[in-house]
Amino acid sequence: MQRTEEIAAKALNAVDNDRYKLTLLVAKRAEALAEGATPLITLSNPKMKFTDIALREIAAGKVVLEALIESNR
């Protein structure tokens, strides 16, 4: 299992090291998960928080900001 710091670093790298974009993306994806969206990764712990799931999805390249923006239009 990866450490949280490693996952956060990968997720930050996925958004060109822009912390604002990462924060926005995590918030929007966590909101979608809270509203019933299916997780795009295999959960190691069924009680994971939505923000943790979102961060792992971003780090894995499953969620990108451009797709999120397009789906909200």
N, C-alpha and C. Protein backbone atom coordinates (compact mmCIF):
# COMPACT_ATOMS: atom_id res chain seq x y z
N MET A 1 0.84 -1.18 0.00
CA MET A 1 0.00 0.00 0.00
C MET A 1 0.89 1.25 0.00
N GLN A 2 0.50 2.20 -0.81
CA GLN A 2 1.27 3.44 -0.90
C GLN A 2 0.98 4.36 0.27
N ARG A 3 1.96 5.15 0.63
CA ARG A 3 1.79 6.14 1.68
C ARG A 3 1.02 7.33 1.14
N THR A 4 0.35 8.01 2.02
CA THR A 4 -0.46 9.16 1.63
C THR A 4 0.38 10.23 0.94
N GLU A 5 1.60 10.44 1.42
CA GLU A 5 2.47 11.46 0.82
C GLU A 5 2.80 11.12 -0.63
N GLU A 6 3.01 9.83 -0.92
CA GLU A 6 3.31 9.40 -2.28
C GLU A 6 2.10 9.60 -3.19
N ILE A 7 0.93 9.28 -2.68
CA ILE A 7 -0.30 9.44 -3.46
C ILE A 7 -0.56 10.91 -3.75
N ALA A 8 -0.38 11.75 -2.73
CA ALA A 8 -0.58 13.19 -2.91
C ALA A 8 0.41 13.76 -3.92
N ALA A 9 1.65 13.30 -3.88
CA ALA A 9 2.66 13.78 -4.82
C ALA A 9 2.31 13.38 -6.25
N LYS A 10 1.82 12.17 -6.44
CA LYS A 10 1.41 11.72 -7.78
C LYS A 10 0.21 12.52 -8.27
N ALA A 11 -0.74 12.76 -7.38
CA ALA A 11 -1.93 13.52 -7.75
C ALA A 11 -1.55 14.96 -8.10
N LEU A 12 -0.66 15.55 -7.33
CA LEU A 12 -0.21 16.91 -7.60
C LEU A 12 0.52 16.98 -8.94
N ASN A 13 1.31 15.98 -9.22
CA ASN A 13 2.01 15.91 -10.51
C ASN A 13 1.02 15.81 -11.67
N ALA A 14 -0.10 15.13 -11.45
CA ALA A 14 -1.11 14.94 -12.49
C ALA A 14 -1.79 16.25 -12.89
N VAL A 15 -1.73 17.26 -12.01
CA VAL A 15 -2.34 18.56 -12.32
C VAL A 15 -1.25 19.63 -12.47
N ASP A 16 -0.10 19.22 -12.96
CA ASP A 16 1.02 20.14 -13.22
C ASP A 16 1.46 20.92 -11.98
N ASN A 17 1.43 20.26 -10.84
CA ASN A 17 1.87 20.84 -9.57
C ASN A 17 1.10 22.11 -9.17
N ASP A 18 -0.15 22.18 -9.58
CA ASP A 18 -1.01 23.31 -9.23
C ASP A 18 -1.93 22.88 -8.08
N ARG A 19 -1.62 23.35 -6.90
CA ARG A 19 -2.38 22.95 -5.71
C ARG A 19 -3.84 23.39 -5.78
N TYR A 20 -4.09 24.54 -6.40
CA TYR A 20 -5.46 25.02 -6.54
C TYR A 20 -6.27 24.05 -7.40
N LYS A 21 -5.71 23.64 -8.52
CA LYS A 21 -6.40 22.69 -9.39
C LYS A 21 -6.65 21.37 -8.68
N LEU A 22 -5.65 20.90 -7.94
CA LEU A 22 -5.81 19.64 -7.21
C LEU A 22 -6.93 19.75 -6.19
N THR A 23 -6.96 20.85 -5.47
CA THR A 23 -8.00 21.05 -4.46
C THR A 23 -9.38 21.07 -5.11
N LEU A 24 -9.49 21.77 -6.21
CA LEU A 24 -10.76 21.85 -6.93
C LEU A 24 -11.20 20.47 -7.43
N LEU A 25 -10.26 19.75 -8.00
CA LEU A 25 -10.56 18.43 -8.55
C LEU A 25 -10.96 17.45 -7.47
N VAL A 26 -10.24 17.44 -6.36
CA VAL A 26 -10.58 16.55 -5.24
C VAL A 26 -11.97 16.89 -4.71
N ALA A 27 -12.25 18.17 -4.54
CA ALA A 27 -13.55 18.59 -4.01
C ALA A 27 -14.70 18.18 -4.93
N LYS A 28 -14.53 18.42 -6.22
CA LYS A 28 -15.60 18.09 -7.17
C LYS A 28 -15.81 16.59 -7.27
N ARG A 29 -14.72 15.83 -7.30
CA ARG A 29 -14.85 14.37 -7.41
C ARG A 29 -15.42 13.79 -6.12
N ALA A 30 -15.00 14.30 -4.97
CA ALA A 30 -15.54 13.83 -3.69
C ALA A 30 -17.04 14.11 -3.62
N GLU A 31 -17.45 15.26 -4.13
CA GLU A 31 -18.88 15.59 -4.16
C GLU A 31 -19.65 14.60 -5.04
N ALA A 32 -19.07 14.27 -6.18
CA ALA A 32 -19.72 13.30 -7.08
C ALA A 32 -19.83 11.93 -6.40
N LEU A 33 -18.79 11.53 -5.70
CA LEU A 33 -18.82 10.25 -4.99
C LEU A 33 -19.88 10.27 -3.89
N ALA A 34 -19.98 11.39 -3.19
CA ALA A 34 -20.98 11.52 -2.13
C ALA A 34 -22.40 11.44 -2.69
N GLU A 35 -22.56 11.86 -3.93
CA GLU A 35 -23.87 11.83 -4.58
C GLU A 35 -24.16 10.49 -5.25
N GLY A 36 -23.23 9.53 -5.10
CA GLY A 36 -23.50 8.19 -5.59
C GLY A 36 -22.67 7.72 -6.77
N ALA A 37 -21.70 8.50 -7.22
CA ALA A 37 -20.85 8.06 -8.33
C ALA A 37 -20.06 6.82 -7.90
N THR A 38 -19.81 5.95 -8.85
CA THR A 38 -19.06 4.73 -8.58
C THR A 38 -17.57 5.03 -8.54
N PRO A 39 -16.86 4.56 -7.52
CA PRO A 39 -15.40 4.76 -7.48
C PRO A 39 -14.73 4.10 -8.68
N LEU A 40 -13.71 4.75 -9.20
CA LEU A 40 -13.00 4.27 -10.38
C LEU A 40 -11.78 3.43 -10.03
N ILE A 41 -11.57 3.21 -8.75
CA ILE A 41 -10.45 2.39 -8.28
C ILE A 41 -10.99 1.31 -7.35
N THR A 42 -10.17 0.30 -7.13
CA THR A 42 -10.52 -0.74 -6.17
C THR A 42 -10.20 -0.21 -4.78
N LEU A 43 -11.18 -0.27 -3.90
CA LEU A 43 -11.01 0.28 -2.56
C LEU A 43 -10.34 -0.74 -1.65
N SER A 44 -9.24 -0.32 -1.01
CA SER A 44 -8.55 -1.20 -0.07
C SER A 44 -9.28 -1.25 1.27
N ASN A 45 -10.06 -0.22 1.52
CA ASN A 45 -10.82 -0.13 2.76
C ASN A 45 -12.21 0.39 2.41
N PRO A 46 -13.25 -0.38 2.66
CA PRO A 46 -14.60 0.07 2.28
C PRO A 46 -15.09 1.31 3.02
N LYS A 47 -14.38 1.72 4.07
CA LYS A 47 -14.79 2.90 4.83
C LYS A 47 -13.93 4.12 4.50
N MET A 48 -13.27 4.11 3.35
CA MET A 48 -12.43 5.25 2.94
C MET A 48 -13.29 6.50 2.77
N LYS A 49 -12.73 7.63 3.11
CA LYS A 49 -13.42 8.90 2.92
C LYS A 49 -13.45 9.24 1.44
N PHE A 50 -14.46 10.00 1.04
CA PHE A 50 -14.60 10.37 -0.36
C PHE A 50 -13.39 11.15 -0.87
N THR A 51 -12.83 12.01 -0.02
CA THR A 51 -11.66 12.78 -0.45
C THR A 51 -10.45 11.89 -0.68
N ASP A 52 -10.30 10.85 0.14
CA ASP A 52 -9.19 9.91 -0.05
C ASP A 52 -9.36 9.13 -1.35
N ILE A 53 -10.58 8.72 -1.63
CA ILE A 53 -10.86 8.00 -2.88
C ILE A 53 -10.55 8.90 -4.06
N ALA A 54 -11.03 10.15 -4.00
CA ALA A 54 -10.80 11.10 -5.09
C ALA A 54 -9.32 11.33 -5.32
N LEU A 55 -8.56 11.50 -4.26
CA LEU A 55 -7.12 11.72 -4.38
C LEU A 55 -6.44 10.52 -5.04
N ARG A 56 -6.82 9.33 -4.65
CA ARG A 56 -6.25 8.12 -5.24
C ARG A 56 -6.64 7.98 -6.71
N GLU A 57 -7.87 8.33 -7.05
CA GLU A 57 -8.30 8.29 -8.45
C GLU A 57 -7.49 9.26 -9.31
N ILE A 58 -7.25 10.44 -8.80
CA ILE A 58 -6.46 11.45 -9.52
C ILE A 58 -5.03 10.96 -9.70
N ALA A 59 -4.45 10.42 -8.65
CA ALA A 59 -3.09 9.90 -8.71
C ALA A 59 -2.97 8.77 -9.72
N ALA A 60 -4.03 7.98 -9.86
CA ALA A 60 -4.03 6.86 -10.79
C ALA A 60 -4.35 7.30 -12.22
N GLY A 61 -4.66 8.57 -12.41
CA GLY A 61 -4.97 9.07 -13.74
C GLY A 61 -6.38 8.75 -14.22
N LYS A 62 -7.25 8.39 -13.29
CA LYS A 62 -8.63 8.03 -13.64
C LYS A 62 -9.54 9.25 -13.76
N VAL A 63 -9.15 10.37 -13.13
CA VAL A 63 -9.96 11.58 -13.15
C VAL A 63 -9.06 12.74 -13.56
N VAL A 64 -9.53 13.52 -14.54
CA VAL A 64 -8.78 14.70 -14.97
C VAL A 64 -9.69 15.91 -14.92
N LEU A 65 -9.10 17.07 -14.72
CA LEU A 65 -9.87 18.29 -14.56
C LEU A 65 -10.67 18.63 -15.81
N GLU A 66 -10.10 18.44 -16.98
CA GLU A 66 -10.77 18.79 -18.23
C GLU A 66 -12.08 18.01 -18.38
N ALA A 67 -12.08 16.74 -18.04
CA ALA A 67 -13.28 15.91 -18.15
C ALA A 67 -14.33 16.38 -17.15
N LEU A 68 -13.90 16.78 -15.98
CA LEU A 68 -14.83 17.26 -14.96
C LEU A 68 -15.48 18.56 -15.39
N ILE A 69 -14.72 19.45 -15.99
CA ILE A 69 -15.26 20.72 -16.47
C ILE A 69 -16.28 20.48 -17.58
N GLU A 70 -15.96 19.58 -18.50
CA GLU A 70 -16.87 19.29 -19.61
C GLU A 70 -18.17 18.68 -19.12
N SER A 71 -18.12 17.84 -18.09
CA SER A 71 -19.33 17.18 -17.61
C SER A 71 -20.26 18.14 -16.87
N ASN A 72 -19.73 19.29 -16.43
CA ASN A 72 -20.55 20.28 -15.73
C ASN A 72 -21.16 21.32 -16.66
N ARG A 73 -20.86 21.27 -17.92
CA ARG A 73 -21.42 22.25 -18.86
C ARG A 73 -22.77 21.85 -19.35
